[in-house]
N, C-alpha and C. Protein backbone atom coordinates (compact mmCIF):
# COMPACT_ATOMS: atom_id res chain seq x y z
N MET A 1 0.71 -1.47 -0.19
CA MET A 1 0.23 -0.03 0.06
C MET A 1 0.61 1.07 0.34
N LEU A 2 2.03 1.23 0.89
CA LEU A 2 2.56 2.06 0.62
C LEU A 2 3.00 2.90 -0.43
N MET A 3 3.85 1.66 -1.54
CA MET A 3 4.20 2.02 -2.52
C MET A 3 3.19 2.78 -3.79
N SER A 4 2.04 2.14 -3.68
CA SER A 4 1.42 3.01 -4.49
C SER A 4 0.74 4.82 -4.29
N MET A 5 0.82 4.81 -2.62
CA MET A 5 0.46 5.71 -1.90
C MET A 5 1.64 7.26 -2.97
N ALA A 6 2.72 6.24 -2.72
CA ALA A 6 4.59 7.20 -3.47
C ALA A 6 4.16 7.61 -4.90
N ASN A 7 3.39 6.39 -5.26
CA ASN A 7 3.50 7.27 -6.69
C ASN A 7 2.20 8.07 -7.30
N LEU A 8 1.35 8.01 -6.34
CA LEU A 8 0.65 9.10 -6.42
C LEU A 8 0.95 10.31 -6.07
N ASN A 9 1.97 10.34 -5.24
CA ASN A 9 2.43 11.86 -5.01
C ASN A 9 3.71 11.94 -5.55
N ALA A 10 4.13 11.55 -6.49
CA ALA A 10 5.13 11.73 -7.48
C ALA A 10 4.84 12.25 -8.73
N SER A 11 3.50 12.15 -8.72
CA SER A 11 2.66 12.92 -10.65
C SER A 11 2.36 14.49 -9.86
N ALA A 12 2.41 15.30 -10.59
CA ALA A 12 2.27 16.55 -10.65
C ALA A 12 1.04 16.76 -11.08
N TYR A 13 0.27 15.77 -11.87
CA TYR A 13 -0.87 15.94 -12.49
C TYR A 13 -1.78 14.18 -12.95
N ALA A 14 -3.01 14.99 -13.12
CA ALA A 14 -3.95 13.60 -12.90
C ALA A 14 -3.86 13.49 -14.60
N PHE A 15 -4.10 14.19 -15.43
CA PHE A 15 -3.85 14.12 -17.24
C PHE A 15 -3.45 15.40 -17.55
N GLU A 16 -3.38 15.33 -19.19
CA GLU A 16 -3.08 16.22 -20.17
C GLU A 16 -4.24 15.66 -21.37
N VAL A 17 -4.68 17.66 -21.59
CA VAL A 17 -5.34 17.35 -22.64
C VAL A 17 -4.74 18.74 -23.49
N ASN A 18 -4.65 18.38 -24.82
CA ASN A 18 -4.11 19.73 -25.55
C ASN A 18 -2.97 20.38 -25.08
N GLY A 19 -2.09 20.20 -24.35
CA GLY A 19 -1.05 20.60 -23.82
C GLY A 19 -1.46 21.23 -22.51
N ILE A 20 -2.49 21.15 -21.33
CA ILE A 20 -2.41 21.63 -20.38
C ILE A 20 -2.85 20.52 -19.56
N TYR A 21 -2.33 20.68 -18.14
CA TYR A 21 -2.31 19.59 -17.47
C TYR A 21 -3.21 20.22 -16.15
N TYR A 22 -3.88 18.65 -15.71
CA TYR A 22 -5.14 19.01 -14.66
C TYR A 22 -4.71 17.95 -13.35
N ASN A 23 -5.61 18.75 -12.40
CA ASN A 23 -5.27 17.59 -11.34
C ASN A 23 -7.39 17.70 -11.04
N TYR A 24 -7.75 16.34 -10.61
CA TYR A 24 -9.33 16.69 -9.78
C TYR A 24 -9.35 17.59 -8.85
N ASN A 25 -10.44 18.08 -8.74
CA ASN A 25 -11.12 19.05 -7.70
C ASN A 25 -11.98 17.90 -6.64
N SER A 26 -11.33 17.50 -5.45
CA SER A 26 -12.21 16.32 -4.59
C SER A 26 -13.44 17.20 -3.92
N ASP A 27 -13.06 17.89 -4.02
CA ASP A 27 -14.41 19.36 -2.85
C ASP A 27 -15.47 20.02 -4.24
N ILE A 28 -15.37 19.61 -4.98
CA ILE A 28 -15.97 20.58 -5.89
C ILE A 28 -16.61 19.02 -6.78
N VAL A 29 -18.09 18.95 -6.94
CA VAL A 29 -18.76 18.57 -8.28
C VAL A 29 -19.75 19.52 -8.74
N VAL A 30 -19.49 19.38 -9.77
CA VAL A 30 -20.38 20.45 -10.83
C VAL A 30 -22.32 19.46 -10.69
N SER A 31 -22.60 18.73 -10.90
CA SER A 31 -23.40 18.17 -11.15
C SER A 31 -23.17 16.52 -11.15
N TYR A 32 -24.12 15.77 -11.21
CA TYR A 32 -23.99 14.23 -10.94
C TYR A 32 -22.99 13.53 -11.49
N ASN A 33 -22.91 14.11 -12.89
CA ASN A 33 -21.83 13.70 -13.42
C ASN A 33 -20.85 14.01 -14.47
N THR A 34 -20.62 15.91 -13.73
CA THR A 34 -19.72 16.86 -14.31
C THR A 34 -18.83 16.88 -13.29
N PHE A 35 -17.71 16.90 -12.85
CA PHE A 35 -16.66 16.89 -12.31
C PHE A 35 -15.80 18.37 -12.76
N SER A 36 -15.23 18.75 -11.63
CA SER A 36 -14.33 19.89 -11.69
C SER A 36 -12.78 19.31 -11.66
N VAL A 37 -12.06 20.18 -12.24
CA VAL A 37 -10.54 20.04 -12.19
C VAL A 37 -10.13 21.38 -12.46
N SER A 38 -8.60 21.42 -11.73
CA SER A 38 -7.57 22.44 -11.76
C SER A 38 -6.79 22.40 -12.42
N VAL A 39 -6.31 23.47 -13.50
CA VAL A 39 -5.07 23.75 -14.22
C VAL A 39 -3.80 23.45 -13.10
N THR A 40 -2.85 22.88 -13.59
CA THR A 40 -1.72 22.49 -12.36
C THR A 40 -0.45 22.58 -13.51
N PHE A 41 0.93 22.14 -13.01
CA PHE A 41 2.12 22.24 -13.58
C PHE A 41 2.02 20.34 -14.16
N GLY A 42 3.00 20.70 -15.02
CA GLY A 42 2.98 19.50 -15.67
C GLY A 42 4.66 18.80 -16.19
N ALA A 43 4.50 17.91 -17.30
CA ALA A 43 6.01 17.33 -17.50
C ALA A 43 6.84 18.37 -18.37
N VAL A 44 5.97 19.22 -19.12
CA VAL A 44 6.71 20.16 -19.86
C VAL A 44 6.43 21.55 -19.73
N GLU A 45 6.93 22.52 -19.11
CA GLU A 45 6.52 23.89 -18.88
C GLU A 45 5.90 24.54 -19.88
N TYR A 46 4.93 25.26 -19.52
CA TYR A 46 3.62 26.00 -20.40
C TYR A 46 4.73 27.60 -21.23
N GLN A 47 4.24 27.57 -22.17
CA GLN A 47 5.17 28.36 -22.94
C GLN A 47 4.16 29.09 -23.58
N GLY A 48 4.29 30.53 -23.96
CA GLY A 48 3.39 31.61 -24.89
C GLY A 48 2.39 31.71 -23.82
N ASP A 49 1.05 32.24 -24.82
CA ASP A 49 -0.43 32.39 -24.31
C ASP A 49 -0.71 31.25 -24.39
N ILE A 50 -1.24 30.77 -23.21
CA ILE A 50 -2.51 29.56 -22.57
C ILE A 50 -3.99 29.88 -22.86
N ALA A 51 -4.61 29.25 -23.43
CA ALA A 51 -6.03 29.54 -23.75
C ALA A 51 -6.60 28.65 -22.62
N ILE A 52 -7.10 28.76 -21.80
CA ILE A 52 -7.60 27.84 -20.37
C ILE A 52 -9.55 27.85 -20.76
N PRO A 53 -9.66 26.48 -21.09
CA PRO A 53 -11.26 26.43 -21.39
C PRO A 53 -11.91 26.19 -20.32
N GLU A 54 -13.15 26.95 -20.61
CA GLU A 54 -14.42 26.27 -19.25
C GLU A 54 -14.22 25.14 -18.97
N GLU A 55 -14.09 24.45 -19.77
CA GLU A 55 -15.00 22.72 -19.51
C GLU A 55 -13.93 22.08 -20.87
N VAL A 56 -13.49 20.88 -20.32
CA VAL A 56 -12.60 19.61 -21.08
C VAL A 56 -12.88 18.21 -20.69
N ILE A 57 -13.05 17.75 -22.23
CA ILE A 57 -13.47 16.52 -22.08
C ILE A 57 -11.85 15.17 -22.20
N TYR A 58 -12.50 14.58 -21.16
CA TYR A 58 -11.51 13.64 -21.03
C TYR A 58 -11.78 12.04 -20.79
N LYS A 59 -11.51 11.14 -21.05
CA LYS A 59 -12.00 9.64 -21.10
C LYS A 59 -13.59 9.81 -21.36
N GLY A 60 -14.21 10.65 -22.52
CA GLY A 60 -15.18 10.75 -22.71
C GLY A 60 -16.60 11.30 -21.37
N ARG A 61 -15.61 12.44 -20.45
CA ARG A 61 -16.08 12.79 -19.60
C ARG A 61 -16.39 14.48 -19.53
N THR A 62 -17.46 15.10 -19.37
CA THR A 62 -17.11 16.53 -19.37
C THR A 62 -16.63 17.12 -17.91
N LEU A 63 -15.69 18.21 -17.89
CA LEU A 63 -15.02 18.24 -16.68
C LEU A 63 -15.05 19.63 -16.61
N SER A 64 -15.23 20.24 -15.95
CA SER A 64 -15.38 21.63 -15.49
C SER A 64 -13.94 22.19 -15.35
N VAL A 65 -13.66 23.41 -15.74
CA VAL A 65 -12.60 23.71 -15.52
C VAL A 65 -12.19 25.27 -14.13
N THR A 66 -12.47 24.97 -12.73
CA THR A 66 -12.84 25.88 -11.85
C THR A 66 -11.81 27.05 -11.32
N ARG A 67 -10.31 26.07 -11.54
CA ARG A 67 -9.27 26.84 -10.94
C ARG A 67 -8.27 26.49 -11.67
N ILE A 68 -7.04 27.56 -10.97
CA ILE A 68 -5.60 27.62 -11.89
C ILE A 68 -4.59 26.96 -10.07
N GLY A 69 -4.40 26.10 -10.26
CA GLY A 69 -3.63 25.56 -9.40
C GLY A 69 -2.22 26.82 -8.99
N ASP A 70 -1.87 26.21 -7.77
CA ASP A 70 -0.67 27.13 -7.28
C ASP A 70 1.08 26.94 -7.63
N GLY A 71 1.04 27.57 -8.37
CA GLY A 71 2.27 27.05 -8.77
C GLY A 71 2.31 26.70 -10.47
N ALA A 72 0.64 26.51 -11.13
CA ALA A 72 1.18 26.25 -12.31
C ALA A 72 1.42 26.77 -12.74
N PHE A 73 2.01 28.15 -13.06
CA PHE A 73 2.69 28.96 -14.11
C PHE A 73 3.85 29.50 -13.33
N ALA A 74 4.32 28.68 -12.23
CA ALA A 74 5.65 29.68 -11.89
C ALA A 74 6.63 29.07 -12.89
N GLY A 75 7.13 30.44 -12.45
CA GLY A 75 8.60 30.36 -13.50
C GLY A 75 8.46 30.69 -14.42
């Protein structure tokens, strides 16, 4: 069990869509089947102008983008 917990902490993001990295918000459920996510940092630094969408589709689910996480655009 400890090994799987370590793997969760090693990742800075849950998934990536169109070059933007996201994490799930555990405290916000928009509706029964619509969850919310935060923009975060990832494997590649963001460069140039970034357009953050209001919603993103990942694995067939519509996710509302509700936050920009701390350090998402640091550096």
